[in-house]
Amino acid sequence: MRRAHMLRGAVVLAGALTLAACASAPSAPSPSGLPRSGVYKVGKPYQVNGVWYYPAEDYSYSETGIASWYGPGFHQKVTANGEVYDQNELTAAHKTLPMPSLVRVTNLDNGRSLVVRINDRGPYANGRIIDMSRRGAQLLGFEGTGTAKVRVQILAEESRAVAAAARQGTPAPMLAELDGPPPKAAPRSSVEVNGTARPTPAAVTRAPVPPPTTVAGDMVDGRFVPAPVVAELPVKPYEQIYVQVGAFGSHDNVTRVRARLASLGQQAQVTQTVAGRQRLQRVRVGPLASVDSADAVLNQILQAGLTDAKIVVD
């Protein structure tokens, strides 16, 4: 999100992060033995329920899809990067983005938008693209319904800042593991963290804190937590739900996928798009009437072996 969309009354993020990096030890350890502020993690490709996920430092990330939320059953448990989950903070789980990073989530039904901190892995059910904290779902207006059509956009400069601060506060043994095995991939009900490292008093600097940018928020237990401030952004009046099976540069691949979908009783539409300098053909099923309908179609397509399929909103 460009700076023009930043919220007023913000605190200086980089300055707050510098204070966090200067702290020699957290106020109390998390249940995992890691600092309560967590550690910086990306991880290697992993597989859950037959689907592969590819974590990456993607600072151009922007995606539409369906959001869900998680709360009481995970409150005060350890997240995938070693933080302690608080359902009343503005945090979220994502399958591939770095932990921590900051993203703007916009509810495409009502235009409500806010910034949350990615500190966990998931969700893995029904093609959801982000799992919000309970407070985030409340502020975006979908706690009652359980899901919402959303756009998720990474805040590039701010995410680099929180990543730099997390690297500075990460114990040396854990830094050595950044290119090693990722946290154990598991469904939401059993998120685990492997390779627990003992905290060391000395901070290790891996990268400088970027030039100051601003996002409203506070430091809590050594980590930056976005403030519960909702922006109202313009959204299109009618956002449609599709299951996108893939985007292909080869016409032969398009033909094969369409034939596979036809065998499932699904009629595909093909639209053109551009990724970088490459022209691609998107193969989609839809528009679909509801999230439940999209879930059913997605599950059918995944079970047929087309594991790149996902729910998108357009």
C-alpha atoms as a PDB file:
ATOM      1  CA  MET A   1       0.000   0.000   0.000  1.00  0.00           C
ATOM      2  CA  ARG A   2       1.428   3.373  -1.001  1.00  0.00           C
ATOM      3  CA  ARG A   3       2.185   6.002   1.606  1.00  0.00           C
ATOM      4  CA  ALA A   4      -0.874   7.966   0.474  1.00  0.00           C
ATOM      5  CA  HIS A   5      -2.965   5.288   2.124  1.00  0.00           C
ATOM      6  CA  MET A   6      -1.077   5.363   5.449  1.00  0.00           C
ATOM      7  CA  LEU A   7      -3.132   6.218   8.493  1.00  0.00           C
ATOM      8  CA  ARG A   8      -2.902   9.548  10.283  1.00  0.00           C
ATOM      9  CA  GLY A   9      -1.675   9.786  13.843  1.00  0.00           C
ATOM     10  CA  ALA A  10       0.966   7.132  13.148  1.00  0.00           C
ATOM     11  CA  VAL A  11       4.039   6.456  15.189  1.00  0.00           C
ATOM     12  CA  VAL A  12       7.457   6.188  13.602  1.00  0.00           C
ATOM     13  CA  LEU A  13       7.909   2.484  12.913  1.00  0.00           C
ATOM     14  CA  ALA A  14      11.637   2.440  12.332  1.00  0.00           C
ATOM     15  CA  GLY A  15      12.361   4.300  15.545  1.00  0.00           C
ATOM     16  CA  ALA A  16      10.231   1.899  17.548  1.00  0.00           C
ATOM     17  CA  LEU A  17      11.941  -1.041  15.900  1.00  0.00           C
ATOM     18  CA  THR A  18      15.344   0.349  16.825  1.00  0.00           C
ATOM     19  CA  LEU A  19      14.282   0.407  20.479  1.00  0.00           C
ATOM     20  CA  ALA A  20      13.257  -3.227  20.194  1.00  0.00           C
ATOM     21  CA  ALA A  21      16.621  -4.180  18.679  1.00  0.00           C
ATOM     22  CA  CYS A  22      18.466  -2.505  21.544  1.00  0.00           C
ATOM     23  CA  ALA A  23      16.783  -4.652  24.165  1.00  0.00           C
ATOM     24  CA  SER A  24      19.189  -7.312  25.320  1.00  0.00           C
ATOM     25  CA  ALA A  25      16.512  -9.704  26.547  1.00  0.00           C
ATOM     26  CA  PRO A  26      12.692 -10.013  26.404  1.00  0.00           C
ATOM     27  CA  SER A  27      10.584  -9.385  29.465  1.00  0.00           C
ATOM     28  CA  ALA A  28       9.671 -13.076  29.699  1.00  0.00           C
ATOM     29  CA  PRO A  29      10.229 -16.176  27.577  1.00  0.00           C
ATOM     30  CA  SER A  30       7.454 -17.664  25.485  1.00  0.00           C
ATOM     31  CA  PRO A  31       6.229 -21.188  26.258  1.00  0.00           C
ATOM     32  CA  SER A  32       8.554 -22.453  23.487  1.00  0.00           C
ATOM     33  CA  GLY A  33      11.627 -20.973  25.164  1.00  0.00           C
ATOM     34  CA  LEU A  34      12.064 -18.465  22.331  1.00  0.00           C
ATOM     35  CA  PRO A  35      11.895 -14.686  22.908  1.00  0.00           C
ATOM     36  CA  ARG A  36       8.302 -13.437  23.129  1.00  0.00           C
ATOM     37  CA  SER A  37       9.092 -11.187  20.156  1.00  0.00           C
ATOM     38  CA  GLY A  38       9.655 -14.309  18.037  1.00  0.00           C
ATOM     39  CA  VAL A  39      12.289 -14.841  15.363  1.00  0.00           C
ATOM     40  CA  TYR A  40      12.565 -14.150  11.653  1.00  0.00           C
ATOM     41  CA  LYS A  41      11.464 -17.133   9.540  1.00  0.00           C
ATOM     42  CA  VAL A  42      10.776 -17.820   5.902  1.00  0.00           C
ATOM     43  CA  GLY A  43      11.351 -21.554   5.420  1.00  0.00           C
ATOM     44  CA  LYS A  44      11.658 -24.026   2.590  1.00  0.00           C
ATOM     45  CA  PRO A  45       8.829 -25.493   0.463  1.00  0.00           C
ATOM     46  CA  TYR A  46       6.493 -27.745   2.437  1.00  0.00           C
ATOM     47  CA  GLN A  47       3.464 -29.909   1.782  1.00  0.00           C
ATOM     48  CA  VAL A  48       0.136 -30.048   3.625  1.00  0.00           C
ATOM     49  CA  ASN A  49      -2.752 -32.287   2.595  1.00  0.00           C
ATOM     50  CA  GLY A  50      -1.143 -32.969  -0.785  1.00  0.00           C
ATOM     51  CA  VAL A  51      -0.613 -29.286  -1.654  1.00  0.00           C
ATOM     52  CA  TRP A  52       2.844 -27.693  -1.875  1.00  0.00           C
ATOM     53  CA  TYR A  53       3.555 -24.204  -0.515  1.00  0.00           C
ATOM     54  CA  TYR A  54       6.618 -22.117  -1.311  1.00  0.00           C
ATOM     55  CA  PRO A  55       7.550 -19.519   1.342  1.00  0.00           C
ATOM     56  CA  ALA A  56       9.435 -16.520  -0.031  1.00  0.00           C
ATOM     57  CA  GLU A  57      10.372 -12.910   0.635  1.00  0.00           C
ATOM     58  CA  ASP A  58       7.818 -11.557  -1.824  1.00  0.00           C
ATOM     59  CA  TYR A  59       7.657  -7.796  -1.284  1.00  0.00           C
ATOM     60  CA  SER A  60       5.384  -7.302  -4.300  1.00  0.00           C
ATOM     61  CA  TYR A  61       2.717  -9.686  -2.961  1.00  0.00           C
ATOM     62  CA  SER A  62      -0.908  -8.756  -3.690  1.00  0.00           C
ATOM     63  CA  GLU A  63      -3.672 -11.341  -3.842  1.00  0.00           C
ATOM     64  CA  THR A  64      -7.431 -11.620  -3.572  1.00  0.00           C
ATOM     65  CA  GLY A  65      -9.329 -14.504  -2.025  1.00  0.00           C
ATOM     66  CA  ILE A  66     -11.218 -15.627   1.052  1.00  0.00           C
ATOM     67  CA  ALA A  67     -10.141 -14.757   4.601  1.00  0.00           C
ATOM     68  CA  SER A  68     -11.013 -16.730   7.727  1.00  0.00           C
ATOM     69  CA  TRP A  69     -10.196 -16.109  11.391  1.00  0.00           C
ATOM     70  CA  TYR A  70      -8.971 -18.080  14.401  1.00  0.00           C
ATOM     71  CA  GLY A  71      -9.286 -17.241  18.044  1.00  0.00           C
ATOM     72  CA  PRO A  72     -10.079 -18.896  21.403  1.00  0.00           C
ATOM     73  CA  GLY A  73      -8.690 -22.340  20.591  1.00  0.00           C
ATOM     74  CA  PHE A  74      -5.242 -20.877  19.849  1.00  0.00           C
ATOM     75  CA  HIS A  75      -5.110 -17.951  22.285  1.00  0.00           C
ATOM     76  CA  GLN A  76      -1.769 -17.816  24.166  1.00  0.00           C
ATOM     77  CA  LYS A  77      -0.291 -20.663  22.118  1.00  0.00           C
ATOM     78  CA  VAL A  78       3.007 -20.365  20.238  1.00  0.00           C
ATOM     79  CA  THR A  79       2.938 -19.236  16.623  1.00  0.00           C
ATOM     80  CA  ALA A  80       5.131 -20.633  13.853  1.00  0.00           C
ATOM     81  CA  ASN A  81       7.854 -18.023  14.450  1.00  0.00           C
ATOM     82  CA  GLY A  82       7.852 -18.360  18.249  1.00  0.00           C
ATOM     83  CA  GLU A  83       5.579 -15.478  19.235  1.00  0.00           C
ATOM     84  CA  VAL A  84       2.684 -15.945  21.631  1.00  0.00           C
ATOM     85  CA  TYR A  85      -0.635 -15.655  19.826  1.00  0.00           C
ATOM     86  CA  ASP A  86      -3.022 -13.057  21.206  1.00  0.00           C
ATOM     87  CA  GLN A  87      -6.465 -13.134  19.614  1.00  0.00           C
ATOM     88  CA  ASN A  88      -6.957  -9.478  20.603  1.00  0.00           C
ATOM     89  CA  GLU A  89      -3.936  -8.192  18.661  1.00  0.00           C
ATOM     90  CA  LEU A  90      -3.873  -7.482  14.938  1.00  0.00           C
ATOM     91  CA  THR A  91      -1.977 -10.521  13.686  1.00  0.00           C
ATOM     92  CA  ALA A  92      -2.607 -13.170  11.045  1.00  0.00           C
ATOM     93  CA  ALA A  93      -1.419 -16.467   9.598  1.00  0.00           C
ATOM     94  CA  HIS A  94      -0.242 -16.777   5.984  1.00  0.00           C
ATOM     95  CA  LYS A  95       1.085 -19.785   4.106  1.00  0.00           C
ATOM     96  CA  THR A  96       4.131 -18.236   2.410  1.00  0.00           C
ATOM     97  CA  LEU A  97       4.941 -14.666   3.463  1.00  0.00           C
ATOM     98  CA  PRO A  98       7.912 -13.975   5.782  1.00  0.00           C
ATOM     99  CA  MET A  99       7.310 -13.936   9.523  1.00  0.00           C
ATOM    100  CA  PRO A 100       7.131 -11.204  10.650  1.00  0.00           C
ATOM    101  CA  SER A 101       5.807  -8.997   7.856  1.00  0.00           C
ATOM    102  CA  LEU A 102       3.062  -6.386   7.646  1.00  0.00           C
ATOM    103  CA  VAL A 103       0.122  -6.606   5.253  1.00  0.00           C
ATOM    104  CA  ARG A 104      -2.936  -4.509   4.539  1.00  0.00           C
ATOM    105  CA  VAL A 105      -6.136  -6.556   4.462  1.00  0.00           C
ATOM    106  CA  THR A 106      -9.213  -5.018   2.808  1.00  0.00           C
ATOM    107  CA  ASN A 107     -12.699  -6.470   3.087  1.00  0.00           C
ATOM    108  CA  LEU A 108     -13.990  -6.277  -0.506  1.00  0.00           C
ATOM    109  CA  ASP A 109     -17.607  -6.376   0.641  1.00  0.00           C
ATOM    110  CA  ASN A 110     -17.566  -3.283   2.868  1.00  0.00           C
ATOM    111  CA  GLY A 111     -14.281  -1.469   2.140  1.00  0.00           C
ATOM    112  CA  ARG A 112     -12.922  -1.784   5.685  1.00  0.00           C
ATOM    113  CA  SER A 113      -9.136  -2.046   5.690  1.00  0.00           C
ATOM    114  CA  LEU A 114      -6.414  -2.445   8.318  1.00  0.00           C
ATOM    115  CA  VAL A 115      -2.793  -3.483   8.792  1.00  0.00           C
ATOM    116  CA  VAL A 116      -1.890  -6.764  10.506  1.00  0.00           C
ATOM    117  CA  ARG A 117       1.344  -8.551  11.393  1.00  0.00           C
ATOM    118  CA  ILE A 118       2.005 -11.990   9.861  1.00  0.00           C
ATOM    119  CA  ASN A 119       3.431 -14.236  12.596  1.00  0.00           C
ATOM    120  CA  ASP A 120       2.009 -17.703  11.869  1.00  0.00           C
ATOM    121  CA  ARG A 121       1.550 -20.292   9.119  1.00  0.00           C
ATOM    122  CA  GLY A 122      -1.840 -21.250   7.673  1.00  0.00           C
ATOM    123  CA  PRO A 123      -4.702 -21.491   6.876  1.00  0.00           C
ATOM    124  CA  TYR A 124      -4.836 -24.797   5.019  1.00  0.00           C
ATOM    125  CA  ALA A 125      -8.578 -25.353   4.595  1.00  0.00           C
ATOM    126  CA  ASN A 126     -10.633 -24.592   1.486  1.00  0.00           C
ATOM    127  CA  GLY A 127      -8.171 -22.289  -0.228  1.00  0.00           C
ATOM    128  CA  ARG A 128      -8.286 -19.494   2.353  1.00  0.00           C
ATOM    129  CA  ILE A 129      -5.494 -16.975   1.760  1.00  0.00           C
ATOM    130  CA  ILE A 130      -5.184 -15.519   5.273  1.00  0.00           C
ATOM    131  CA  ASP A 131      -6.291 -16.436   8.790  1.00  0.00           C
ATOM    132  CA  MET A 132      -7.001 -13.282  10.790  1.00  0.00           C
ATOM    133  CA  SER A 133      -6.941 -12.880  14.540  1.00  0.00           C
ATOM    134  CA  ARG A 134     -10.345 -12.577  16.165  1.00  0.00           C
ATOM    135  CA  ARG A 135      -9.849  -8.827  16.669  1.00  0.00           C
ATOM    136  CA  GLY A 136      -8.943  -8.386  13.014  1.00  0.00           C
ATOM    137  CA  ALA A 137     -12.101 -10.201  11.933  1.00  0.00           C
ATOM    138  CA  GLN A 138     -14.173  -8.029  14.260  1.00  0.00           C
ATOM    139  CA  LEU A 139     -12.753  -4.789  12.855  1.00  0.00           C
ATOM    140  CA  LEU A 140     -13.170  -5.939   9.252  1.00  0.00           C
ATOM    141  CA  GLY A 141     -16.750  -6.951   9.991  1.00  0.00           C
ATOM    142  CA  PHE A 142     -16.739 -10.706   9.382  1.00  0.00           C
ATOM    143  CA  GLU A 143     -16.443 -12.284  12.828  1.00  0.00           C
ATOM    144  CA  GLY A 144     -20.055 -13.457  12.633  1.00  0.00           C
ATOM    145  CA  THR A 145     -19.961 -14.867   9.103  1.00  0.00           C
ATOM    146  CA  GLY A 146     -16.529 -16.472   9.570  1.00  0.00           C
ATOM    147  CA  THR A 147     -15.220 -15.586   6.105  1.00  0.00           C
ATOM    148  CA  ALA A 148     -14.884 -12.552   3.848  1.00  0.00           C
ATOM    149  CA  LYS A 149     -13.723 -11.668   0.350  1.00  0.00           C
ATOM    150  CA  VAL A 150     -10.469  -9.787   0.817  1.00  0.00           C
ATOM    151  CA  ARG A 151      -7.434  -8.311  -0.840  1.00  0.00           C
ATOM    152  CA  VAL A 152      -4.102  -8.880   0.938  1.00  0.00           C
ATOM    153  CA  GLN A 153      -1.203  -6.562   0.046  1.00  0.00           C
ATOM    154  CA  ILE A 154       2.219  -6.608   1.654  1.00  0.00           C
ATOM    155  CA  LEU A 155       3.637  -3.294   2.922  1.00  0.00           C
ATOM    156  CA  ALA A 156       7.111  -3.614   1.434  1.00  0.00           C
ATOM    157  CA  GLU A 157       9.131  -0.968   3.293  1.00  0.00           C
ATOM    158  CA  GLU A 158       7.462  -1.651   6.606  1.00  0.00           C
ATOM    159  CA  SER A 159       7.908  -5.408   6.233  1.00  0.00           C
ATOM    160  CA  ARG A 160      11.615  -4.964   5.523  1.00  0.00           C
ATOM    161  CA  ALA A 161      11.832  -2.874   8.692  1.00  0.00           C
ATOM    162  CA  VAL A 162      10.187  -5.448  10.946  1.00  0.00           C
ATOM    163  CA  ALA A 163      12.275  -8.189   9.299  1.00  0.00           C
ATOM    164  CA  ALA A 164      15.483  -6.264   9.978  1.00  0.00           C
ATOM    165  CA  ALA A 165      14.530  -5.748  13.615  1.00  0.00           C
ATOM    166  CA  ALA A 166      13.587  -9.423  14.002  1.00  0.00           C
ATOM    167  CA  ARG A 167      16.942 -10.470  12.557  1.00  0.00           C
ATOM    168  CA  GLN A 168      18.747  -8.185  14.984  1.00  0.00           C
ATOM    169  CA  GLY A 169      16.923  -9.731  17.922  1.00  0.00           C
ATOM    170  CA  THR A 170      17.293 -13.335  16.769  1.00  0.00           C
ATOM    171  CA  PRO A 171      19.699 -15.553  18.755  1.00  0.00           C
ATOM    172  CA  ALA A 172      22.739 -16.688  16.775  1.00  0.00           C
ATOM    173  CA  PRO A 173      21.831 -20.417  16.691  1.00  0.00           C
ATOM    174  CA  MET A 174      18.469 -19.634  15.134  1.00  0.00           C
ATOM    175  CA  LEU A 175      20.082 -17.393  12.504  1.00  0.00           C
ATOM    176  CA  ALA A 176      22.116 -20.346  11.353  1.00  0.00           C
ATOM    177  CA  GLU A 177      18.887 -22.271  10.843  1.00  0.00           C
ATOM    178  CA  LEU A 178      17.207 -19.736   8.564  1.00  0.00           C
ATOM    179  CA  ASP A 179      18.370 -21.604   5.456  1.00  0.00           C
ATOM    180  CA  GLY A 180      17.731 -25.010   7.024  1.00  0.00           C
ATOM    181  CA  PRO A 181      14.557 -26.981   7.687  1.00  0.00           C
ATOM    182  CA  PRO A 182      11.405 -24.836   8.029  1.00  0.00           C
ATOM    183  CA  PRO A 183       8.941 -25.132  10.908  1.00  0.00           C
ATOM    184  CA  LYS A 184       6.990 -28.364  10.705  1.00  0.00           C
ATOM    185  CA  ALA A 185       4.039 -27.829   8.365  1.00  0.00           C
ATOM    186  CA  ALA A 186       0.749 -28.894   9.916  1.00  0.00           C
ATOM    187  CA  PRO A 187      -2.968 -28.116   9.757  1.00  0.00           C
ATOM    188  CA  ARG A 188      -4.166 -25.205  11.909  1.00  0.00           C
ATOM    189  CA  SER A 189      -5.038 -27.508  14.780  1.00  0.00           C
ATOM    190  CA  SER A 190      -1.434 -28.559  15.406  1.00  0.00           C
ATOM    191  CA  VAL A 191       1.024 -25.823  14.442  1.00  0.00           C
ATOM    192  CA  GLU A 192       4.446 -26.684  15.837  1.00  0.00           C
ATOM    193  CA  VAL A 193       7.879 -25.099  15.866  1.00  0.00           C
ATOM    194  CA  ASN A 194      10.934 -27.295  15.421  1.00  0.00           C
ATOM    195  CA  GLY A 195      14.539 -26.570  16.283  1.00  0.00           C
ATOM    196  CA  THR A 196      13.950 -24.559  19.443  1.00  0.00           C
ATOM    197  CA  ALA A 197      16.998 -22.388  20.162  1.00  0.00           C
ATOM    198  CA  ARG A 198      18.165 -21.049  23.508  1.00  0.00           C
ATOM    199  CA  PRO A 199      18.045 -17.271  23.794  1.00  0.00           C
ATOM    200  CA  THR A 200      21.425 -15.536  24.035  1.00  0.00           C
ATOM    201  CA  PRO A 201      21.907 -12.086  25.559  1.00  0.00           C
ATOM    202  CA  ALA A 202      23.882 -10.715  22.615  1.00  0.00           C
ATOM    203  CA  ALA A 203      21.876  -9.274  19.715  1.00  0.00           C
ATOM    204  CA  VAL A 204      23.108 -10.135  16.213  1.00  0.00           C
ATOM    205  CA  THR A 205      22.795  -7.595  13.410  1.00  0.00           C
ATOM    206  CA  ARG A 206      22.052  -9.077   9.982  1.00  0.00           C
ATOM    207  CA  ALA A 207      20.668  -6.016   8.179  1.00  0.00           C
ATOM    208  CA  PRO A 208      20.307  -2.272   8.793  1.00  0.00           C
ATOM    209  CA  VAL A 209      16.914  -0.831   9.675  1.00  0.00           C
ATOM    210  CA  PRO A 210      15.508   0.855   6.523  1.00  0.00           C
ATOM    211  CA  PRO A 211      14.775   4.618   6.326  1.00  0.00           C
ATOM    212  CA  PRO A 212      11.858   5.693   8.544  1.00  0.00           C
ATOM    213  CA  THR A 213       8.308   5.009   7.393  1.00  0.00           C
ATOM    214  CA  THR A 214       5.144   5.224   9.468  1.00  0.00           C
ATOM    215  CA  VAL A 215       2.394   2.846  10.477  1.00  0.00           C
ATOM    216  CA  ALA A 216       0.193   3.313  13.526  1.00  0.00           C
ATOM    217  CA  GLY A 217       1.150   0.901  16.276  1.00  0.00           C
ATOM    218  CA  ASP A 218       2.997   0.134  19.514  1.00  0.00           C
ATOM    219  CA  MET A 219       5.803  -2.042  20.799  1.00  0.00           C
ATOM    220  CA  VAL A 220       4.490  -5.027  22.776  1.00  0.00           C
ATOM    221  CA  ASP A 221       6.956  -7.485  24.329  1.00  0.00           C
ATOM    222  CA  GLY A 222       9.628  -6.433  21.860  1.00  0.00           C
ATOM    223  CA  ARG A 223       7.557  -6.647  18.671  1.00  0.00           C
ATOM    224  CA  PHE A 224       5.679  -4.076  16.617  1.00  0.00           C
ATOM    225  CA  VAL A 225       1.895  -4.520  16.814  1.00  0.00           C
ATOM    226  CA  PRO A 226      -0.302  -2.501  14.418  1.00  0.00           C
ATOM    227  CA  ALA A 227      -2.926  -0.254  15.983  1.00  0.00           C
ATOM    228  CA  PRO A 228      -6.649  -1.121  15.661  1.00  0.00           C
ATOM    229  CA  VAL A 229      -7.390   1.704  13.217  1.00  0.00           C
ATOM    230  CA  VAL A 230      -9.735   0.977  10.311  1.00  0.00           C
ATOM    231  CA  ALA A 231      -9.525   2.845   7.003  1.00  0.00           C
ATOM    232  CA  GLU A 232     -12.451   3.011   4.596  1.00  0.00           C
ATOM    233  CA  LEU A 233     -11.265   2.252   1.045  1.00  0.00           C
ATOM    234  CA  PRO A 234     -13.287   2.282  -2.187  1.00  0.00           C
ATOM    235  CA  VAL A 235     -14.213  -1.172  -3.489  1.00  0.00           C
ATOM    236  CA  LYS A 236     -16.118  -2.341  -6.540  1.00  0.00           C
ATOM    237  CA  PRO A 237     -19.832  -2.938  -5.844  1.00  0.00           C
ATOM    238  CA  TYR A 238     -19.796  -6.526  -7.083  1.00  0.00           C
ATOM    239  CA  GLU A 239     -16.768  -8.753  -6.553  1.00  0.00           C
ATOM    240  CA  GLN A 240     -17.131 -12.203  -8.094  1.00  0.00           C
ATOM    241  CA  ILE A 241     -15.703 -15.453  -6.709  1.00  0.00           C
ATOM    242  CA  TYR A 242     -13.838 -17.875  -8.993  1.00  0.00           C
ATOM    243  CA  VAL A 243     -11.745 -20.995  -8.674  1.00  0.00           C
ATOM    244  CA  GLN A 244      -8.594 -20.349 -10.667  1.00  0.00           C
ATOM    245  CA  VAL A 245      -6.984 -23.593 -11.762  1.00  0.00           C
ATOM    246  CA  GLY A 246      -3.837 -22.000 -13.139  1.00  0.00           C
ATOM    247  CA  ALA A 247      -2.236 -19.397 -15.398  1.00  0.00           C
ATOM    248  CA  PHE A 248      -0.389 -20.857 -18.383  1.00  0.00           C
ATOM    249  CA  GLY A 249       1.897 -19.628 -21.130  1.00  0.00           C
ATOM    250  CA  SER A 250       1.314 -22.743 -23.231  1.00  0.00           C
ATOM    251  CA  HIS A 251      -1.895 -23.247 -25.196  1.00  0.00           C
ATOM    252  CA  ASP A 252      -1.420 -27.014 -24.907  1.00  0.00           C
ATOM    253  CA  ASN A 253      -1.508 -26.768 -21.108  1.00  0.00           C
ATOM    254  CA  VAL A 254      -4.706 -24.736 -21.304  1.00  0.00           C
ATOM    255  CA  THR A 255      -6.303 -27.350 -23.533  1.00  0.00           C
ATOM    256  CA  ARG A 256      -5.327 -30.206 -21.193  1.00  0.00           C
ATOM    257  CA  VAL A 257      -6.645 -28.429 -18.096  1.00  0.00           C
ATOM    258  CA  ARG A 258      -9.925 -27.517 -19.772  1.00  0.00           C
ATOM    259  CA  ALA A 259     -10.386 -31.152 -20.814  1.00  0.00           C
ATOM    260  CA  ARG A 260      -9.731 -32.309 -17.245  1.00  0.00           C
ATOM    261  CA  LEU A 261     -12.289 -29.838 -15.915  1.00  0.00           C
ATOM    262  CA  ALA A 262     -14.842 -30.930 -18.514  1.00  0.00           C
ATOM    263  CA  SER A 263     -14.452 -34.519 -17.286  1.00  0.00           C
ATOM    264  CA  LEU A 264     -15.421 -33.217 -13.832  1.00  0.00           C
ATOM    265  CA  GLY A 265     -18.505 -31.501 -15.209  1.00  0.00           C
ATOM    266  CA  GLN A 266     -16.953 -28.037 -14.813  1.00  0.00           C
ATOM    267  CA  GLN A 267     -16.985 -25.509 -17.634  1.00  0.00           C
ATOM    268  CA  ALA A 268     -13.867 -23.343 -17.666  1.00  0.00           C
ATOM    269  CA  GLN A 269     -13.403 -19.817 -18.905  1.00  0.00           C
ATOM    270  CA  VAL A 270     -10.070 -18.572 -20.233  1.00  0.00           C
ATOM    271  CA  THR A 271      -8.966 -14.958 -19.789  1.00  0.00           C
ATOM    272  CA  GLN A 272      -5.749 -13.165 -20.683  1.00  0.00           C
ATOM    273  CA  THR A 273      -3.373 -11.618 -18.173  1.00  0.00           C
ATOM    274  CA  VAL A 274       0.198 -10.307 -18.067  1.00  0.00           C
ATOM    275  CA  ALA A 275       2.789 -11.291 -15.441  1.00  0.00           C
ATOM    276  CA  GLY A 276       5.919  -9.213 -15.865  1.00  0.00           C
ATOM    277  CA  ARG A 277       6.554  -9.393 -19.606  1.00  0.00           C
ATOM    278  CA  GLN A 278       4.850 -12.742 -20.078  1.00  0.00           C
ATOM    279  CA  ARG A 279       1.354 -13.126 -21.463  1.00  0.00           C
ATOM    280  CA  LEU A 280      -0.577 -15.835 -19.665  1.00  0.00           C
ATOM    281  CA  GLN A 281      -3.967 -17.487 -20.015  1.00  0.00           C
ATOM    282  CA  ARG A 282      -5.913 -17.907 -16.781  1.00  0.00           C
ATOM    283  CA  VAL A 283      -8.196 -20.925 -16.547  1.00  0.00           C
ATOM    284  CA  ARG A 284     -11.072 -20.339 -14.136  1.00  0.00           C
ATOM    285  CA  VAL A 285     -14.376 -21.838 -13.059  1.00  0.00           C
ATOM    286  CA  GLY A 286     -17.085 -19.339 -12.170  1.00  0.00           C
ATOM    287  CA  PRO A 287     -18.303 -16.879 -11.190  1.00  0.00           C
ATOM    288  CA  LEU A 288     -19.649 -18.823  -8.234  1.00  0.00           C
ATOM    289  CA  ALA A 289     -22.613 -17.799  -6.140  1.00  0.00           C
ATOM    290  CA  SER A 290     -21.080 -18.133  -2.667  1.00  0.00           C
ATOM    291  CA  VAL A 291     -18.035 -19.113  -0.628  1.00  0.00           C
ATOM    292  CA  ASP A 292     -19.658 -22.488   0.048  1.00  0.00           C
ATOM    293  CA  SER A 293     -20.031 -23.111  -3.693  1.00  0.00           C
ATOM    294  CA  ALA A 294     -16.423 -22.110  -4.277  1.00  0.00           C
ATOM    295  CA  ASP A 295     -15.288 -24.452  -1.502  1.00  0.00           C
ATOM    296  CA  ALA A 296     -17.118 -27.387  -3.093  1.00  0.00           C
ATOM    297  CA  VAL A 297     -15.708 -26.704  -6.561  1.00  0.00           C
ATOM    298  CA  LEU A 298     -12.190 -26.185  -5.233  1.00  0.00           C
ATOM    299  CA  ASN A 299     -12.255 -29.439  -3.261  1.00  0.00           C
ATOM    300  CA  GLN A 300     -13.440 -31.349  -6.326  1.00  0.00           C
ATOM    301  CA  ILE A 301     -10.651 -29.881  -8.468  1.00  0.00           C
ATOM    302  CA  LEU A 302      -7.960 -30.494  -5.851  1.00  0.00           C
ATOM    303  CA  GLN A 303      -9.053 -34.107  -5.451  1.00  0.00           C
ATOM    304  CA  ALA A 304      -8.682 -34.516  -9.216  1.00  0.00           C
ATOM    305  CA  GLY A 305      -4.991 -33.681  -8.856  1.00  0.00           C
ATOM    306  CA  LEU A 306      -5.027 -30.051 -10.007  1.00  0.00           C
ATOM    307  CA  THR A 307      -3.297 -28.879  -6.833  1.00  0.00           C
ATOM    308  CA  ASP A 308      -2.443 -25.354  -8.039  1.00  0.00           C
ATOM    309  CA  ALA A 309      -6.121 -24.390  -7.938  1.00  0.00           C
ATOM    310  CA  LYS A 310      -7.161 -21.590  -5.603  1.00  0.00           C
ATOM    311  CA  ILE A 311     -10.104 -19.307  -4.847  1.00  0.00           C
ATOM    312  CA  VAL A 312      -9.752 -15.753  -6.184  1.00  0.00           C
ATOM    313  CA  VAL A 313     -11.974 -12.693  -6.111  1.00  0.00           C
ATOM    314  CA  ASP A 314     -12.197 -10.425  -9.147  1.00  0.00           C
END
